[in-house]
């Protein structure tokens, strides 16, 4: 699998969708969204896919929409981010020992990637995971991200069930934590509260020996 490129068109449906978005909103990034943060990070956060008015607009994961509010605030509290708010790709925010990516790098229609698109994009995630140093932690935001990580590790999904707050060891030298996604729906309905999310990141920080 080649290294990720913003010119990727491996998924015809997603490529056509992005063409339509670019035509309607020429000021949007509207292309595959690159990972953000140092390549050899100790913590890899894996989301679902770029949001229409967030990463798809700004060109940086979880930046510029509701989904990034809780994520970046929490990363800042634990020393993984230089600022608690992500506004744009040129806002000067930096990540420390942390990298953020998505299971699918392109905006999917209705925010729902198909299983074949997750599979087709999975080689990029595999490359990102292979770059992690031994002892690293992966945080999967949601069940799709959880399954994509296991797919990248060539680990049967039935061995490790997604559950908020769960800790798994799917491969030597790597630990996988699960959390509900930081989406507007989850945070506004109370399915995922700031306390719930911070508890997961607290466990990760302690495992990496970098508590707040």
N, C-alpha and C. Protein backbone atom coordinates (compact mmCIF):
# COMPACT_ATOMS: atom_id res chain seq x y z
N UNK A 1 0.85 -1.20 0.00
CA UNK A 1 0.00 0.00 0.00
C UNK A 1 0.89 1.25 0.00
N UNK A 2 0.68 2.18 -0.96
CA UNK A 2 1.48 3.41 -0.96
C UNK A 2 1.16 4.29 0.23
N UNK A 3 2.05 5.24 0.51
CA UNK A 3 1.78 6.20 1.56
C UNK A 3 0.59 7.05 1.17
N UNK A 4 -0.13 7.53 2.17
CA UNK A 4 -1.36 8.28 1.92
C UNK A 4 -1.10 9.54 1.10
N UNK A 5 -2.03 9.84 0.21
CA UNK A 5 -1.95 11.04 -0.62
C UNK A 5 -3.32 11.69 -0.70
N UNK A 6 -3.36 13.01 -0.68
CA UNK A 6 -4.62 13.71 -0.81
C UNK A 6 -5.20 13.61 -2.22
N UNK A 7 -4.48 13.03 -3.14
CA UNK A 7 -5.00 12.82 -4.49
C UNK A 7 -5.61 11.43 -4.65
N UNK A 8 -5.71 10.66 -3.57
CA UNK A 8 -6.24 9.30 -3.65
C UNK A 8 -7.68 9.31 -4.19
N UNK A 9 -7.95 8.38 -5.10
CA UNK A 9 -9.30 8.20 -5.67
C UNK A 9 -9.66 6.72 -5.72
N UNK A 10 -9.21 5.97 -4.73
CA UNK A 10 -9.42 4.53 -4.72
C UNK A 10 -10.89 4.14 -4.58
N UNK A 11 -11.69 5.01 -3.98
CA UNK A 11 -13.12 4.74 -3.79
C UNK A 11 -13.92 5.65 -4.71
N UNK A 12 -14.46 5.08 -5.78
CA UNK A 12 -15.12 5.89 -6.82
C UNK A 12 -16.31 6.67 -6.25
N UNK A 13 -17.11 6.06 -5.40
CA UNK A 13 -18.27 6.74 -4.83
C UNK A 13 -17.85 7.96 -4.02
N UNK A 14 -16.82 7.81 -3.21
CA UNK A 14 -16.36 8.92 -2.39
C UNK A 14 -15.71 10.00 -3.24
N UNK A 15 -14.97 9.61 -4.26
CA UNK A 15 -14.34 10.59 -5.14
C UNK A 15 -15.40 11.43 -5.86
N UNK A 16 -16.46 10.78 -6.33
CA UNK A 16 -17.54 11.52 -7.00
C UNK A 16 -18.24 12.46 -6.01
N UNK A 17 -18.43 11.98 -4.78
CA UNK A 17 -19.08 12.81 -3.77
C UNK A 17 -18.25 14.06 -3.47
N UNK A 18 -16.94 13.90 -3.37
CA UNK A 18 -16.07 15.05 -3.10
C UNK A 18 -16.05 16.02 -4.28
N UNK A 19 -16.15 15.51 -5.49
CA UNK A 19 -16.22 16.40 -6.67
C UNK A 19 -17.46 17.28 -6.58
N UNK A 20 -18.58 16.70 -6.17
CA UNK A 20 -19.81 17.49 -6.04
C UNK A 20 -19.68 18.53 -4.93
N UNK A 21 -19.06 18.13 -3.82
CA UNK A 21 -18.89 19.06 -2.71
C UNK A 21 -17.99 20.22 -3.12
N UNK A 22 -16.91 19.93 -3.84
CA UNK A 22 -16.00 21.00 -4.29
C UNK A 22 -16.71 21.97 -5.22
N UNK A 23 -17.58 21.44 -6.07
CA UNK A 23 -18.32 22.30 -6.99
C UNK A 23 -19.28 23.22 -6.23
N UNK A 24 -19.90 22.68 -5.17
CA UNK A 24 -20.86 23.46 -4.38
C UNK A 24 -20.18 24.40 -3.40
N UNK A 25 -19.02 23.97 -2.89
CA UNK A 25 -18.31 24.74 -1.87
C UNK A 25 -16.83 24.82 -2.23
N UNK A 26 -16.48 25.68 -3.17
CA UNK A 26 -15.09 25.75 -3.66
C UNK A 26 -14.09 26.19 -2.60
N UNK A 27 -14.56 26.75 -1.49
CA UNK A 27 -13.65 27.16 -0.42
C UNK A 27 -13.35 26.03 0.55
N UNK A 28 -13.97 24.87 0.38
CA UNK A 28 -13.73 23.72 1.26
C UNK A 28 -12.53 22.92 0.77
N UNK A 29 -11.87 22.23 1.69
CA UNK A 29 -10.79 21.31 1.34
C UNK A 29 -11.32 20.23 0.40
N UNK A 30 -12.37 19.54 0.80
CA UNK A 30 -13.11 18.58 -0.04
C UNK A 30 -12.21 17.62 -0.80
N UNK A 31 -11.25 17.08 -0.10
CA UNK A 31 -10.35 16.06 -0.62
C UNK A 31 -10.05 15.08 0.52
N UNK A 32 -9.37 13.98 0.24
CA UNK A 32 -8.96 13.11 1.34
C UNK A 32 -8.20 13.92 2.39
N UNK A 33 -8.44 13.61 3.66
CA UNK A 33 -7.84 14.37 4.76
C UNK A 33 -6.67 13.60 5.35
N UNK A 34 -5.51 14.23 5.36
CA UNK A 34 -4.30 13.61 5.89
C UNK A 34 -4.36 13.48 7.41
N UNK A 35 -3.66 12.52 7.98
CA UNK A 35 -3.51 12.46 9.44
C UNK A 35 -2.83 13.72 9.94
N UNK A 36 -3.00 13.98 11.23
CA UNK A 36 -2.43 15.18 11.85
C UNK A 36 -1.63 14.76 13.07
N UNK A 37 -0.40 15.26 13.17
CA UNK A 37 0.45 14.95 14.31
C UNK A 37 1.68 14.18 13.90
N UNK A 38 2.63 14.02 14.81
CA UNK A 38 3.89 13.34 14.50
C UNK A 38 3.67 11.88 14.10
N UNK A 39 4.41 11.44 13.10
CA UNK A 39 4.23 10.09 12.55
C UNK A 39 4.55 9.01 13.58
N UNK A 40 5.54 9.24 14.42
CA UNK A 40 5.94 8.22 15.40
C UNK A 40 5.39 8.56 16.78
N UNK A 41 4.12 8.92 16.84
CA UNK A 41 3.48 9.29 18.10
C UNK A 41 3.30 8.08 19.00
N UNK A 42 3.11 8.33 20.29
CA UNK A 42 2.83 7.25 21.23
C UNK A 42 1.33 6.96 21.33
N UNK A 43 0.50 7.94 20.93
CA UNK A 43 -0.95 7.78 20.96
C UNK A 43 -1.51 8.07 19.57
N UNK A 44 -2.24 7.11 19.02
CA UNK A 44 -2.92 7.29 17.73
C UNK A 44 -4.42 7.29 17.98
N UNK A 45 -5.07 8.40 17.69
CA UNK A 45 -6.52 8.52 17.83
C UNK A 45 -7.15 8.26 16.46
N UNK A 46 -8.07 7.30 16.40
CA UNK A 46 -8.69 6.92 15.13
C UNK A 46 -10.18 7.23 15.18
N UNK A 47 -10.62 8.14 14.32
CA UNK A 47 -12.03 8.46 14.20
C UNK A 47 -12.68 7.70 13.07
N UNK A 48 -13.87 8.12 12.68
CA UNK A 48 -14.61 7.45 11.62
C UNK A 48 -14.23 7.99 10.25
N UNK A 49 -14.56 9.24 9.98
CA UNK A 49 -14.32 9.86 8.67
C UNK A 49 -14.42 11.37 8.85
N UNK A 50 -13.92 12.15 7.90
CA UNK A 50 -14.04 13.61 8.00
C UNK A 50 -15.49 14.05 8.05
N UNK A 51 -15.78 15.06 8.86
CA UNK A 51 -17.11 15.64 8.92
C UNK A 51 -17.28 16.68 7.83
N UNK A 52 -18.49 16.84 7.34
CA UNK A 52 -18.78 17.74 6.23
C UNK A 52 -18.25 19.15 6.47
N UNK A 53 -18.56 19.73 7.62
CA UNK A 53 -18.17 21.11 7.88
C UNK A 53 -17.00 21.22 8.86
N UNK A 54 -16.37 20.09 9.13
CA UNK A 54 -15.20 20.06 9.99
C UNK A 54 -13.95 19.77 9.17
N UNK A 55 -13.45 18.54 9.27
CA UNK A 55 -12.22 18.17 8.55
C UNK A 55 -12.37 18.32 7.04
N UNK A 56 -13.55 18.02 6.51
CA UNK A 56 -13.75 18.16 5.07
C UNK A 56 -13.64 19.63 4.64
N UNK A 57 -13.95 20.54 5.55
CA UNK A 57 -13.85 21.97 5.25
C UNK A 57 -12.43 22.48 5.48
N UNK A 58 -11.84 22.10 6.62
CA UNK A 58 -10.56 22.67 7.03
C UNK A 58 -9.34 21.89 6.56
N UNK A 59 -9.54 20.61 6.25
CA UNK A 59 -8.42 19.78 5.82
C UNK A 59 -7.60 19.20 6.95
N UNK A 60 -8.12 19.26 8.19
CA UNK A 60 -7.41 18.69 9.33
C UNK A 60 -8.40 17.92 10.19
N UNK A 61 -8.05 16.71 10.65
CA UNK A 61 -9.00 15.88 11.40
C UNK A 61 -9.59 16.59 12.62
N UNK A 62 -10.90 16.44 12.78
CA UNK A 62 -11.61 16.94 13.97
C UNK A 62 -11.41 18.45 14.19
N UNK A 63 -11.27 19.20 13.13
CA UNK A 63 -11.00 20.63 13.25
C UNK A 63 -12.13 21.45 12.62
N UNK A 64 -12.69 22.36 13.43
CA UNK A 64 -13.68 23.28 12.90
C UNK A 64 -15.12 22.88 13.06
N UNK A 65 -15.40 21.79 13.77
CA UNK A 65 -16.80 21.43 14.00
C UNK A 65 -16.97 20.88 15.41
N UNK A 66 -18.19 20.49 15.73
CA UNK A 66 -18.51 20.07 17.10
C UNK A 66 -17.72 18.84 17.54
N UNK A 67 -17.45 17.94 16.62
CA UNK A 67 -16.80 16.68 16.98
C UNK A 67 -15.43 16.87 17.62
N UNK A 68 -14.76 17.99 17.28
CA UNK A 68 -13.43 18.20 17.83
C UNK A 68 -13.40 18.91 19.17
N UNK A 69 -14.54 19.42 19.63
CA UNK A 69 -14.55 20.22 20.86
C UNK A 69 -14.05 19.42 22.05
N UNK A 70 -14.69 18.29 22.32
CA UNK A 70 -14.30 17.47 23.46
C UNK A 70 -12.93 16.83 23.24
N UNK A 71 -12.65 16.40 22.01
CA UNK A 71 -11.39 15.73 21.74
C UNK A 71 -10.20 16.64 22.01
N UNK A 72 -10.16 17.82 21.41
CA UNK A 72 -9.00 18.68 21.56
C UNK A 72 -8.90 19.26 22.97
N UNK A 73 -10.03 19.55 23.59
CA UNK A 73 -9.98 20.03 24.97
C UNK A 73 -9.35 18.99 25.88
N UNK A 74 -9.72 17.73 25.68
CA UNK A 74 -9.19 16.65 26.51
C UNK A 74 -7.71 16.42 26.22
N UNK A 75 -7.34 16.41 24.95
CA UNK A 75 -5.93 16.23 24.60
C UNK A 75 -5.08 17.34 25.22
N UNK A 76 -5.60 18.56 25.23
CA UNK A 76 -4.88 19.68 25.83
C UNK A 76 -4.70 19.47 27.33
N UNK A 77 -5.75 19.01 28.00
CA UNK A 77 -5.68 18.80 29.45
C UNK A 77 -4.59 17.79 29.82
N UNK A 78 -4.32 16.85 28.93
CA UNK A 78 -3.34 15.80 29.23
C UNK A 78 -2.00 16.03 28.54
N UNK A 79 -1.80 17.21 28.00
CA UNK A 79 -0.50 17.55 27.43
C UNK A 79 -0.23 17.01 26.04
N UNK A 80 -1.25 16.53 25.36
CA UNK A 80 -1.06 16.01 24.01
C UNK A 80 -1.25 17.09 22.94
N UNK A 81 -1.80 18.24 23.31
CA UNK A 81 -2.08 19.32 22.36
C UNK A 81 -1.62 20.65 22.93
N UNK A 82 -1.24 21.56 22.04
CA UNK A 82 -0.76 22.87 22.47
C UNK A 82 -1.90 23.85 22.75
N UNK A 83 -3.12 23.51 22.37
CA UNK A 83 -4.26 24.39 22.57
C UNK A 83 -5.52 23.55 22.75
N UNK A 84 -6.53 24.07 23.45
CA UNK A 84 -7.74 23.30 23.71
C UNK A 84 -8.79 23.40 22.62
N UNK A 85 -8.58 24.26 21.63
CA UNK A 85 -9.58 24.47 20.59
C UNK A 85 -8.90 24.41 19.22
N UNK A 86 -9.50 23.64 18.30
CA UNK A 86 -9.00 23.53 16.93
C UNK A 86 -9.94 24.27 16.00
N UNK A 87 -9.45 25.33 15.39
CA UNK A 87 -10.31 26.19 14.56
C UNK A 87 -10.07 25.97 13.08
N UNK A 88 -8.81 25.97 12.69
CA UNK A 88 -8.45 25.82 11.28
C UNK A 88 -7.10 25.16 11.16
N UNK A 89 -6.75 24.74 9.96
CA UNK A 89 -5.48 24.04 9.76
C UNK A 89 -4.28 24.95 9.97
N UNK A 90 -4.49 26.27 9.95
CA UNK A 90 -3.37 27.21 10.14
C UNK A 90 -3.49 27.98 11.45
N UNK A 91 -4.15 27.38 12.46
CA UNK A 91 -4.33 28.06 13.74
C UNK A 91 -3.13 27.92 14.68
N UNK A 92 -2.10 27.21 14.24
CA UNK A 92 -0.89 27.06 15.04
C UNK A 92 -0.93 25.93 16.05
N UNK A 93 -2.04 25.22 16.15
CA UNK A 93 -2.15 24.12 17.12
C UNK A 93 -1.19 23.00 16.74
N UNK A 94 -0.54 22.44 17.75
CA UNK A 94 0.38 21.32 17.54
C UNK A 94 0.00 20.17 18.45
N UNK A 95 0.32 18.97 18.02
CA UNK A 95 0.11 17.78 18.84
C UNK A 95 1.46 17.26 19.31
N UNK A 96 1.48 16.76 20.56
CA UNK A 96 2.69 16.21 21.16
C UNK A 96 2.46 14.74 21.48
N UNK A 97 3.31 13.88 20.93
CA UNK A 97 3.22 12.42 21.18
C UNK A 97 1.88 11.85 20.76
N UNK A 98 1.14 12.58 19.94
CA UNK A 98 -0.21 12.17 19.57
C UNK A 98 -0.43 12.44 18.08
N UNK A 99 -1.17 11.54 17.45
CA UNK A 99 -1.51 11.67 16.03
C UNK A 99 -3.00 11.35 15.88
N UNK A 100 -3.68 12.08 15.03
CA UNK A 100 -5.11 11.88 14.82
C UNK A 100 -5.36 11.51 13.36
N UNK A 101 -6.17 10.50 13.16
CA UNK A 101 -6.48 10.05 11.81
C UNK A 101 -7.91 9.54 11.77
N UNK A 102 -8.32 9.00 10.63
CA UNK A 102 -9.66 8.43 10.49
C UNK A 102 -9.59 7.08 9.79
N UNK A 103 -10.58 6.25 10.08
CA UNK A 103 -10.66 4.95 9.41
C UNK A 103 -10.85 5.12 7.91
N UNK A 104 -11.62 6.14 7.53
CA UNK A 104 -11.84 6.49 6.13
C UNK A 104 -11.42 7.94 5.96
N UNK A 105 -10.57 8.22 5.00
CA UNK A 105 -9.97 9.54 4.87
C UNK A 105 -10.83 10.54 4.09
N UNK A 106 -11.91 10.09 3.46
CA UNK A 106 -12.77 10.96 2.66
C UNK A 106 -14.14 11.11 3.28
N UNK A 107 -14.74 12.27 3.08
CA UNK A 107 -16.11 12.51 3.52
C UNK A 107 -17.06 11.55 2.81
N UNK A 108 -17.81 10.72 3.56
CA UNK A 108 -18.78 9.84 2.92
C UNK A 108 -20.16 10.48 2.89
N UNK A 109 -20.99 10.16 1.91
CA UNK A 109 -22.36 10.66 1.91
C UNK A 109 -23.07 10.27 3.21
N UNK A 110 -23.79 11.22 3.79
CA UNK A 110 -24.55 11.00 5.03
C UNK A 110 -23.67 10.53 6.18
N UNK A 111 -22.34 10.81 6.10
CA UNK A 111 -21.39 10.41 7.16
C UNK A 111 -21.34 8.90 7.37
N UNK A 112 -21.69 8.13 6.35
CA UNK A 112 -21.74 6.67 6.49
C UNK A 112 -20.88 6.01 5.42
N UNK A 113 -19.64 5.67 5.74
CA UNK A 113 -18.83 4.92 4.76
C UNK A 113 -19.32 3.49 4.64
N UNK A 114 -19.17 2.92 3.46
CA UNK A 114 -19.54 1.52 3.25
C UNK A 114 -18.38 0.63 3.70
N UNK A 115 -18.71 -0.61 3.97
CA UNK A 115 -17.69 -1.54 4.47
C UNK A 115 -16.56 -1.73 3.46
N UNK A 116 -16.87 -1.71 2.16
CA UNK A 116 -15.82 -1.88 1.16
C UNK A 116 -14.90 -0.66 1.13
N UNK A 117 -15.44 0.51 1.47
CA UNK A 117 -14.61 1.72 1.53
C UNK A 117 -13.69 1.70 2.73
N UNK A 118 -14.17 1.17 3.84
CA UNK A 118 -13.32 1.01 5.02
C UNK A 118 -12.17 0.05 4.69
N UNK A 119 -12.50 -1.04 3.99
CA UNK A 119 -11.46 -2.01 3.62
C UNK A 119 -10.45 -1.40 2.65
N UNK A 120 -10.94 -0.65 1.68
CA UNK A 120 -10.05 -0.08 0.67
C UNK A 120 -9.10 0.95 1.26
N UNK A 121 -9.55 1.65 2.27
CA UNK A 121 -8.73 2.69 2.92
C UNK A 121 -7.86 2.10 4.03
N UNK A 122 -8.05 0.84 4.36
CA UNK A 122 -7.42 0.29 5.55
C UNK A 122 -5.91 0.17 5.45
N UNK A 123 -5.39 0.07 4.23
CA UNK A 123 -3.94 -0.02 4.08
C UNK A 123 -3.23 1.23 4.57
N UNK A 124 -3.87 2.38 4.40
CA UNK A 124 -3.28 3.62 4.91
C UNK A 124 -3.21 3.59 6.44
N UNK A 125 -4.28 3.12 7.07
CA UNK A 125 -4.29 3.01 8.53
C UNK A 125 -3.24 2.00 8.99
N UNK A 126 -3.09 0.92 8.23
CA UNK A 126 -2.08 -0.08 8.59
C UNK A 126 -0.68 0.54 8.57
N UNK A 127 -0.40 1.36 7.55
CA UNK A 127 0.90 2.03 7.49
C UNK A 127 1.12 2.93 8.70
N UNK A 128 0.06 3.63 9.12
CA UNK A 128 0.17 4.54 10.26
C UNK A 128 0.44 3.75 11.55
N UNK A 129 -0.24 2.63 11.70
CA UNK A 129 -0.05 1.81 12.90
C UNK A 129 1.35 1.21 12.91
N UNK A 130 1.84 0.79 11.76
CA UNK A 130 3.17 0.19 11.69
C UNK A 130 4.27 1.19 12.04
N UNK A 131 3.98 2.48 11.90
CA UNK A 131 4.98 3.51 12.22
C UNK A 131 5.05 3.80 13.72
N UNK A 132 4.08 3.30 14.48
CA UNK A 132 4.06 3.57 15.91
C UNK A 132 5.18 2.83 16.63
N UNK A 133 5.82 3.45 17.60
CA UNK A 133 6.84 2.74 18.38
C UNK A 133 6.20 1.71 19.31
N UNK A 134 6.98 0.74 19.71
CA UNK A 134 6.48 -0.27 20.64
C UNK A 134 6.04 0.39 21.94
N UNK A 135 4.93 -0.11 22.49
CA UNK A 135 4.38 0.45 23.70
C UNK A 135 3.37 1.54 23.45
N UNK A 136 3.02 1.77 22.20
CA UNK A 136 2.06 2.82 21.86
C UNK A 136 0.63 2.39 22.16
N UNK A 137 -0.26 3.37 22.18
CA UNK A 137 -1.68 3.15 22.44
C UNK A 137 -2.49 3.69 21.27
N UNK A 138 -3.52 2.96 20.90
CA UNK A 138 -4.47 3.40 19.89
C UNK A 138 -5.80 3.63 20.58
N UNK A 139 -6.41 4.77 20.32
CA UNK A 139 -7.73 5.09 20.85
C UNK A 139 -8.72 5.08 19.70
N UNK A 140 -9.64 4.12 19.70
CA UNK A 140 -10.66 4.01 18.66
C UNK A 140 -11.92 4.74 19.10
N UNK A 141 -12.34 5.71 18.31
CA UNK A 141 -13.56 6.46 18.61
C UNK A 141 -14.72 5.84 17.82
N UNK A 142 -15.41 4.94 18.46
CA UNK A 142 -16.55 4.30 17.83
C UNK A 142 -16.23 2.91 17.31
N UNK A 143 -17.30 2.16 17.05
CA UNK A 143 -17.16 0.76 16.65
C UNK A 143 -16.52 0.60 15.28
N UNK A 144 -16.81 1.51 14.33
CA UNK A 144 -16.22 1.39 13.00
C UNK A 144 -14.71 1.57 13.08
N UNK A 145 -14.26 2.55 13.84
CA UNK A 145 -12.82 2.75 14.02
C UNK A 145 -12.19 1.55 14.71
N UNK A 146 -12.87 1.01 15.71
CA UNK A 146 -12.40 -0.18 16.43
C UNK A 146 -12.17 -1.33 15.45
N UNK A 147 -13.17 -1.59 14.61
CA UNK A 147 -13.05 -2.70 13.65
C UNK A 147 -11.97 -2.42 12.61
N UNK A 148 -11.82 -1.16 12.21
CA UNK A 148 -10.80 -0.81 11.23
C UNK A 148 -9.40 -1.04 11.79
N UNK A 149 -9.20 -0.72 13.06
CA UNK A 149 -7.90 -0.96 13.70
C UNK A 149 -7.59 -2.45 13.72
N UNK A 150 -8.57 -3.26 14.11
CA UNK A 150 -8.34 -4.71 14.14
C UNK A 150 -8.07 -5.24 12.74
N UNK A 151 -8.78 -4.71 11.75
CA UNK A 151 -8.54 -5.12 10.37
C UNK A 151 -7.11 -4.79 9.96
N UNK A 152 -6.64 -3.60 10.33
CA UNK A 152 -5.28 -3.20 9.99
C UNK A 152 -4.24 -4.10 10.66
N UNK A 153 -4.59 -4.60 11.83
CA UNK A 153 -3.70 -5.51 12.56
C UNK A 153 -3.90 -6.96 12.17
N UNK A 154 -4.81 -7.19 11.21
CA UNK A 154 -5.14 -8.54 10.74
C UNK A 154 -5.57 -9.43 11.90
N UNK A 155 -6.39 -8.84 12.77
CA UNK A 155 -6.90 -9.53 13.94
C UNK A 155 -8.41 -9.72 13.79
N UNK A 156 -8.94 -10.92 13.94
CA UNK A 156 -10.38 -11.14 13.82
C UNK A 156 -11.18 -10.23 14.76
N UNK A 157 -12.17 -9.55 14.21
CA UNK A 157 -12.97 -8.64 15.02
C UNK A 157 -13.72 -9.32 16.15
N UNK A 158 -13.97 -10.61 16.01
CA UNK A 158 -14.72 -11.33 17.04
C UNK A 158 -13.91 -11.54 18.32
N UNK A 159 -12.60 -11.36 18.23
CA UNK A 159 -11.75 -11.59 19.41
C UNK A 159 -11.84 -10.45 20.42
N UNK A 160 -12.12 -9.24 19.92
CA UNK A 160 -12.14 -8.07 20.79
C UNK A 160 -13.39 -7.26 20.49
N UNK A 161 -14.34 -7.28 21.37
CA UNK A 161 -15.60 -6.59 21.17
C UNK A 161 -15.50 -5.12 21.59
N UNK A 162 -16.09 -4.24 20.77
CA UNK A 162 -16.08 -2.83 21.11
C UNK A 162 -16.94 -2.56 22.34
N UNK A 163 -16.41 -1.78 23.25
CA UNK A 163 -17.15 -1.37 24.44
C UNK A 163 -16.50 -0.11 24.99
N UNK A 164 -17.29 0.89 25.27
CA UNK A 164 -16.71 2.14 25.78
C UNK A 164 -15.88 1.88 27.04
N UNK A 165 -14.65 2.38 27.02
CA UNK A 165 -13.75 2.21 28.15
C UNK A 165 -12.97 0.92 28.16
N UNK A 166 -13.22 0.06 27.19
CA UNK A 166 -12.53 -1.24 27.16
C UNK A 166 -11.07 -1.07 26.78
N UNK A 167 -10.24 -1.95 27.29
CA UNK A 167 -8.81 -1.99 26.97
C UNK A 167 -8.50 -3.36 26.38
N UNK A 168 -7.85 -3.38 25.23
CA UNK A 168 -7.52 -4.63 24.55
C UNK A 168 -6.03 -4.65 24.22
N UNK A 169 -5.50 -5.84 24.07
CA UNK A 169 -4.11 -6.00 23.61
C UNK A 169 -4.15 -6.89 22.38
N UNK A 170 -4.44 -6.30 21.21
CA UNK A 170 -4.61 -7.10 20.00
C UNK A 170 -3.30 -7.49 19.32
N UNK A 171 -2.21 -6.83 19.69
CA UNK A 171 -0.92 -7.14 19.06
C UNK A 171 0.19 -6.81 20.04
N UNK A 172 1.30 -7.53 19.93
CA UNK A 172 2.43 -7.28 20.81
C UNK A 172 2.92 -5.85 20.65
N UNK A 173 3.07 -5.17 21.78
CA UNK A 173 3.59 -3.82 21.75
C UNK A 173 2.56 -2.73 21.51
N UNK A 174 1.29 -3.11 21.35
CA UNK A 174 0.23 -2.13 21.13
C UNK A 174 -0.95 -2.40 22.04
N UNK A 175 -1.57 -1.34 22.52
CA UNK A 175 -2.78 -1.45 23.33
C UNK A 175 -3.88 -0.63 22.66
N UNK A 176 -5.07 -1.19 22.64
CA UNK A 176 -6.22 -0.53 22.02
C UNK A 176 -7.25 -0.18 23.09
N UNK A 177 -7.62 1.09 23.14
CA UNK A 177 -8.69 1.54 24.01
C UNK A 177 -9.89 1.95 23.15
N UNK A 178 -11.09 1.74 23.68
CA UNK A 178 -12.31 2.11 22.99
C UNK A 178 -13.01 3.27 23.70
N UNK A 179 -13.61 4.14 22.89
CA UNK A 179 -14.48 5.19 23.43
C UNK A 179 -15.60 5.44 22.43
N UNK A 180 -16.75 5.85 22.93
CA UNK A 180 -17.76 6.35 22.02
C UNK A 180 -17.18 7.55 21.27
N UNK A 181 -17.66 7.75 20.07
CA UNK A 181 -17.19 8.86 19.24
C UNK A 181 -17.60 10.20 19.85
N UNK A 182 -16.76 11.22 19.66
CA UNK A 182 -17.03 12.55 20.21
C UNK A 182 -17.98 13.35 19.30
N UNK A 183 -18.97 12.72 18.76
CA UNK A 183 -19.89 13.37 17.84
C UNK A 183 -20.87 14.27 18.58
N UNK A 184 -21.49 15.18 17.85
CA UNK A 184 -22.49 16.05 18.44
C UNK A 184 -23.62 15.23 19.05
N UNK A 185 -24.06 14.20 18.32
CA UNK A 185 -25.17 13.38 18.83
C UNK A 185 -24.80 12.74 20.17
N UNK A 186 -23.62 12.13 20.24
CA UNK A 186 -23.22 11.42 21.46
C UNK A 186 -23.03 12.37 22.64
N UNK A 187 -22.44 13.53 22.40
CA UNK A 187 -22.18 14.44 23.52
C UNK A 187 -23.44 15.18 23.95
N UNK A 188 -24.31 15.52 23.01
CA UNK A 188 -25.51 16.27 23.38
C UNK A 188 -26.59 15.38 23.98
N UNK A 189 -26.59 14.10 23.66
CA UNK A 189 -27.55 13.19 24.26
C UNK A 189 -27.05 12.60 25.57
N UNK A 190 -25.79 12.85 25.91
CA UNK A 190 -25.23 12.32 27.15
C UNK A 190 -24.71 10.91 27.03
N UNK A 191 -24.74 10.36 25.84
CA UNK A 191 -24.16 9.02 25.67
C UNK A 191 -22.67 9.06 26.01
N UNK A 192 -22.02 10.17 25.63
CA UNK A 192 -20.61 10.38 25.99
C UNK A 192 -20.50 11.72 26.70
N UNK A 193 -20.18 11.68 27.97
CA UNK A 193 -19.98 12.91 28.74
C UNK A 193 -18.49 13.24 28.80
N UNK A 194 -18.13 14.49 29.10
CA UNK A 194 -16.71 14.82 29.26
C UNK A 194 -16.03 13.95 30.30
N UNK A 195 -16.73 13.65 31.38
CA UNK A 195 -16.14 12.82 32.43
C UNK A 195 -15.85 11.41 31.92
N UNK A 196 -16.77 10.86 31.13
CA UNK A 196 -16.55 9.52 30.58
C UNK A 196 -15.33 9.49 29.66
N UNK A 197 -15.22 10.52 28.83
CA UNK A 197 -14.11 10.54 27.88
C UNK A 197 -12.79 10.77 28.60
N UNK A 198 -12.79 11.69 29.55
CA UNK A 198 -11.55 11.97 30.29
C UNK A 198 -11.09 10.77 31.09
N UNK A 199 -12.01 9.95 31.53
CA UNK A 199 -11.62 8.74 32.26
C UNK A 199 -10.84 7.79 31.37
N UNK A 200 -11.27 7.68 30.11
CA UNK A 200 -10.55 6.82 29.16
C UNK A 200 -9.16 7.40 28.90
N UNK A 201 -9.09 8.70 28.66
CA UNK A 201 -7.79 9.31 28.35
C UNK A 201 -6.88 9.31 29.59
N UNK A 202 -7.47 9.39 30.77
CA UNK A 202 -6.66 9.26 31.99
C UNK A 202 -5.95 7.92 32.03
N UNK A 203 -6.70 6.85 31.72
CA UNK A 203 -6.10 5.51 31.70
C UNK A 203 -4.99 5.42 30.67
N UNK A 204 -5.21 6.04 29.50
CA UNK A 204 -4.19 6.04 28.45
C UNK A 204 -2.95 6.80 28.91
N UNK A 205 -3.14 7.98 29.49
CA UNK A 205 -2.01 8.79 29.94
C UNK A 205 -1.20 8.06 31.00
N UNK A 206 -1.88 7.37 31.89
CA UNK A 206 -1.18 6.61 32.92
C UNK A 206 -0.41 5.46 32.31
N UNK A 207 -0.98 4.82 31.29
CA UNK A 207 -0.27 3.72 30.62
C UNK A 207 0.97 4.22 29.91
N UNK A 208 0.87 5.43 29.38
CA UNK A 208 2.02 6.00 28.66
C UNK A 208 2.95 6.77 29.59
N UNK A 209 2.63 6.76 30.87
CA UNK A 209 3.45 7.44 31.89
C UNK A 209 3.56 8.94 31.63
N UNK A 210 2.41 9.54 31.22
CA UNK A 210 2.40 10.99 31.03
C UNK A 210 1.09 11.54 31.56
N UNK A 211 0.80 11.36 32.87
CA UNK A 211 -0.46 11.86 33.43
C UNK A 211 -0.51 13.38 33.41
N UNK A 212 -1.75 13.89 33.48
CA UNK A 212 -1.95 15.34 33.47
C UNK A 212 -1.34 15.96 34.73
